[in-house]
Amino acid sequence: MIEIGVIKKSRDGLGCFNCANWLPHAHYPFAGYCTVWGEVTFEDYYCSRHARMNVDADRFYWCATCKVRLTREDALTHWTLGHRVVRGAYVDPDVRDEIYEG
């Protein structure tokens, strides 16, 4: 394991990519925002506060595979199809700079 601050890089089948506290970037799903640490991390990072993602509450979800917002029922369908279903998507606040730049 490589330690990166409080976050470690691991290959044990756990990582930000399957953590309930992580919101993948809407356009670059290998990067995302960790709601625990309050910073951008990568999908293969891991920390001691990892909480495995599951579809359990009546709320909206995000399918990172299809890039669509889902109801709980639709999220369960996408989940069973093997899609990457998460609690939401992260939209970079500087995205306007990327859009309007040259």
C-alpha atoms as a PDB file:
ATOM      1  CA  MET A   1       0.000   0.000   0.000  1.00  0.00           C
ATOM      2  CA  ILE A   2       1.131   3.521  -0.777  1.00  0.00           C
ATOM      3  CA  GLU A   3       0.111   6.083   1.809  1.00  0.00           C
ATOM      4  CA  ILE A   4      -1.235   9.338   0.391  1.00  0.00           C
ATOM      5  CA  GLY A   5      -1.978  11.520   3.408  1.00  0.00           C
ATOM      6  CA  VAL A   6      -4.793   9.755   5.239  1.00  0.00           C
ATOM      7  CA  ILE A   7      -5.842   7.944   2.087  1.00  0.00           C
ATOM      8  CA  LYS A   8      -4.084   4.789   0.922  1.00  0.00           C
ATOM      9  CA  LYS A   9      -3.909   3.191  -2.463  1.00  0.00           C
ATOM     10  CA  SER A  10      -4.975  -0.444  -2.271  1.00  0.00           C
ATOM     11  CA  ARG A  11      -5.881  -3.343  -4.518  1.00  0.00           C
ATOM     12  CA  ASP A  12      -7.943  -5.409  -2.046  1.00  0.00           C
ATOM     13  CA  GLY A  13     -11.251  -5.005  -3.883  1.00  0.00           C
ATOM     14  CA  LEU A  14     -12.150  -1.933  -1.849  1.00  0.00           C
ATOM     15  CA  GLY A  15     -11.706   1.627  -2.956  1.00  0.00           C
ATOM     16  CA  CYS A  16     -13.442   4.904  -3.486  1.00  0.00           C
ATOM     17  CA  PHE A  17     -15.168   3.392  -6.519  1.00  0.00           C
ATOM     18  CA  ASN A  18     -17.417   1.278  -4.260  1.00  0.00           C
ATOM     19  CA  CYS A  19     -17.667   3.601  -1.251  1.00  0.00           C
ATOM     20  CA  ALA A  20     -20.952   5.252  -0.263  1.00  0.00           C
ATOM     21  CA  ASN A  21     -19.074   8.437   0.708  1.00  0.00           C
ATOM     22  CA  TRP A  22     -17.643   9.011  -2.761  1.00  0.00           C
ATOM     23  CA  LEU A  23     -19.223  10.940  -5.642  1.00  0.00           C
ATOM     24  CA  PRO A  24     -17.558  10.227  -9.008  1.00  0.00           C
ATOM     25  CA  HIS A  25     -17.007  13.145 -11.353  1.00  0.00           C
ATOM     26  CA  ALA A  26     -19.856  13.374 -13.873  1.00  0.00           C
ATOM     27  CA  HIS A  27     -17.469  13.385 -16.863  1.00  0.00           C
ATOM     28  CA  TYR A  28     -14.288  11.789 -15.468  1.00  0.00           C
ATOM     29  CA  PRO A  29     -15.563   8.859 -13.319  1.00  0.00           C
ATOM     30  CA  PHE A  30     -12.038   7.744 -12.296  1.00  0.00           C
ATOM     31  CA  ALA A  31     -11.872  10.863 -10.088  1.00  0.00           C
ATOM     32  CA  GLY A  32     -14.441  12.069  -7.586  1.00  0.00           C
ATOM     33  CA  TYR A  33     -15.219  13.909  -4.375  1.00  0.00           C
ATOM     34  CA  CYS A  34     -14.944  12.251  -0.969  1.00  0.00           C
ATOM     35  CA  THR A  35     -17.641  13.602   1.360  1.00  0.00           C
ATOM     36  CA  VAL A  36     -15.708  12.389   4.425  1.00  0.00           C
ATOM     37  CA  TRP A  37     -12.361  14.030   3.708  1.00  0.00           C
ATOM     38  CA  GLY A  38     -13.734  16.933   1.671  1.00  0.00           C
ATOM     39  CA  GLU A  39     -11.308  16.491  -1.198  1.00  0.00           C
ATOM     40  CA  VAL A  40     -11.003  15.039  -4.662  1.00  0.00           C
ATOM     41  CA  THR A  41      -9.659  11.474  -4.743  1.00  0.00           C
ATOM     42  CA  PHE A  42      -9.259   8.728  -7.328  1.00  0.00           C
ATOM     43  CA  GLU A  43     -11.311   5.560  -7.637  1.00  0.00           C
ATOM     44  CA  ASP A  44      -8.502   3.266  -6.477  1.00  0.00           C
ATOM     45  CA  TYR A  45      -7.871   5.119  -3.205  1.00  0.00           C
ATOM     46  CA  TYR A  46      -9.019   3.633   0.087  1.00  0.00           C
ATOM     47  CA  CYS A  47      -9.320   4.826   3.686  1.00  0.00           C
ATOM     48  CA  SER A  48     -10.418   3.542   7.075  1.00  0.00           C
ATOM     49  CA  ARG A  49     -13.808   5.264   6.701  1.00  0.00           C
ATOM     50  CA  HIS A  50     -14.775   3.184   3.678  1.00  0.00           C
ATOM     51  CA  ALA A  51     -18.486   2.326   3.677  1.00  0.00           C
ATOM     52  CA  ARG A  52     -19.565  -0.120   0.992  1.00  0.00           C
ATOM     53  CA  MET A  53     -22.095   1.349  -1.412  1.00  0.00           C
ATOM     54  CA  ASN A  54     -25.539  -0.222  -1.580  1.00  0.00           C
ATOM     55  CA  VAL A  55     -28.983   0.816  -2.761  1.00  0.00           C
ATOM     56  CA  ASP A  56     -31.028   0.885   0.416  1.00  0.00           C
ATOM     57  CA  ALA A  57     -32.793   4.213   0.883  1.00  0.00           C
ATOM     58  CA  ASP A  58     -35.656   5.798  -1.009  1.00  0.00           C
ATOM     59  CA  ARG A  59     -33.669   8.558  -2.706  1.00  0.00           C
ATOM     60  CA  PHE A  60     -32.157   9.449  -6.057  1.00  0.00           C
ATOM     61  CA  TYR A  61     -28.975   7.748  -7.263  1.00  0.00           C
ATOM     62  CA  TRP A  62     -26.530   8.209 -10.127  1.00  0.00           C
ATOM     63  CA  CYS A  63     -25.514   5.534 -12.631  1.00  0.00           C
ATOM     64  CA  ALA A  64     -21.904   6.284 -13.538  1.00  0.00           C
ATOM     65  CA  THR A  65     -22.132   3.704 -16.331  1.00  0.00           C
ATOM     66  CA  CYS A  66     -25.072   5.354 -18.113  1.00  0.00           C
ATOM     67  CA  LYS A  67     -24.534   8.860 -16.690  1.00  0.00           C
ATOM     68  CA  VAL A  68     -28.179   9.230 -15.643  1.00  0.00           C
ATOM     69  CA  ARG A  69     -30.055  10.057 -12.455  1.00  0.00           C
ATOM     70  CA  LEU A  70     -32.112   7.176 -11.070  1.00  0.00           C
ATOM     71  CA  THR A  71     -34.961   6.522  -8.669  1.00  0.00           C
ATOM     72  CA  ARG A  72     -34.433   3.761  -6.097  1.00  0.00           C
ATOM     73  CA  GLU A  73     -36.299   1.220  -8.251  1.00  0.00           C
ATOM     74  CA  ASP A  74     -34.251   2.092 -11.347  1.00  0.00           C
ATOM     75  CA  ALA A  75     -31.059   2.055  -9.265  1.00  0.00           C
ATOM     76  CA  LEU A  76     -31.811  -1.503  -8.144  1.00  0.00           C
ATOM     77  CA  THR A  77     -32.273  -2.542 -11.781  1.00  0.00           C
ATOM     78  CA  HIS A  78     -29.001  -0.930 -12.858  1.00  0.00           C
ATOM     79  CA  TRP A  79     -27.246  -2.429  -9.813  1.00  0.00           C
ATOM     80  CA  THR A  80     -28.344  -5.967 -10.757  1.00  0.00           C
ATOM     81  CA  LEU A  81     -27.087  -5.356 -14.314  1.00  0.00           C
ATOM     82  CA  GLY A  82     -23.619  -4.677 -12.891  1.00  0.00           C
ATOM     83  CA  HIS A  83     -23.632  -0.926 -13.458  1.00  0.00           C
ATOM     84  CA  ARG A  84     -21.749   1.468 -11.142  1.00  0.00           C
ATOM     85  CA  VAL A  85     -24.555   2.959  -9.069  1.00  0.00           C
ATOM     86  CA  VAL A  86     -23.572   5.678  -6.585  1.00  0.00           C
ATOM     87  CA  ARG A  87     -25.361   8.205  -4.386  1.00  0.00           C
ATOM     88  CA  GLY A  88     -24.686  11.132  -6.673  1.00  0.00           C
ATOM     89  CA  ALA A  89     -22.311  12.693  -9.151  1.00  0.00           C
ATOM     90  CA  TYR A  90     -19.686  15.337  -8.487  1.00  0.00           C
ATOM     91  CA  VAL A  91     -19.701  18.366 -10.759  1.00  0.00           C
ATOM     92  CA  ASP A  92     -16.519  20.380 -10.512  1.00  0.00           C
ATOM     93  CA  PRO A  93     -17.292  23.993  -9.535  1.00  0.00           C
ATOM     94  CA  ASP A  94     -14.711  25.147 -12.100  1.00  0.00           C
ATOM     95  CA  VAL A  95     -16.519  23.402 -14.957  1.00  0.00           C
ATOM     96  CA  ARG A  96     -17.592  26.794 -16.359  1.00  0.00           C
ATOM     97  CA  ASP A  97     -13.934  27.633 -16.920  1.00  0.00           C
ATOM     98  CA  GLU A  98     -13.513  24.413 -18.924  1.00  0.00           C
ATOM     99  CA  ILE A  99     -16.633  25.068 -20.990  1.00  0.00           C
ATOM    100  CA  TYR A 100     -15.994  28.705 -21.877  1.00  0.00           C
ATOM    101  CA  GLU A 101     -12.233  28.449 -22.294  1.00  0.00           C
ATOM    102  CA  GLY A 102     -11.090  28.793 -25.945  1.00  0.00           C
END
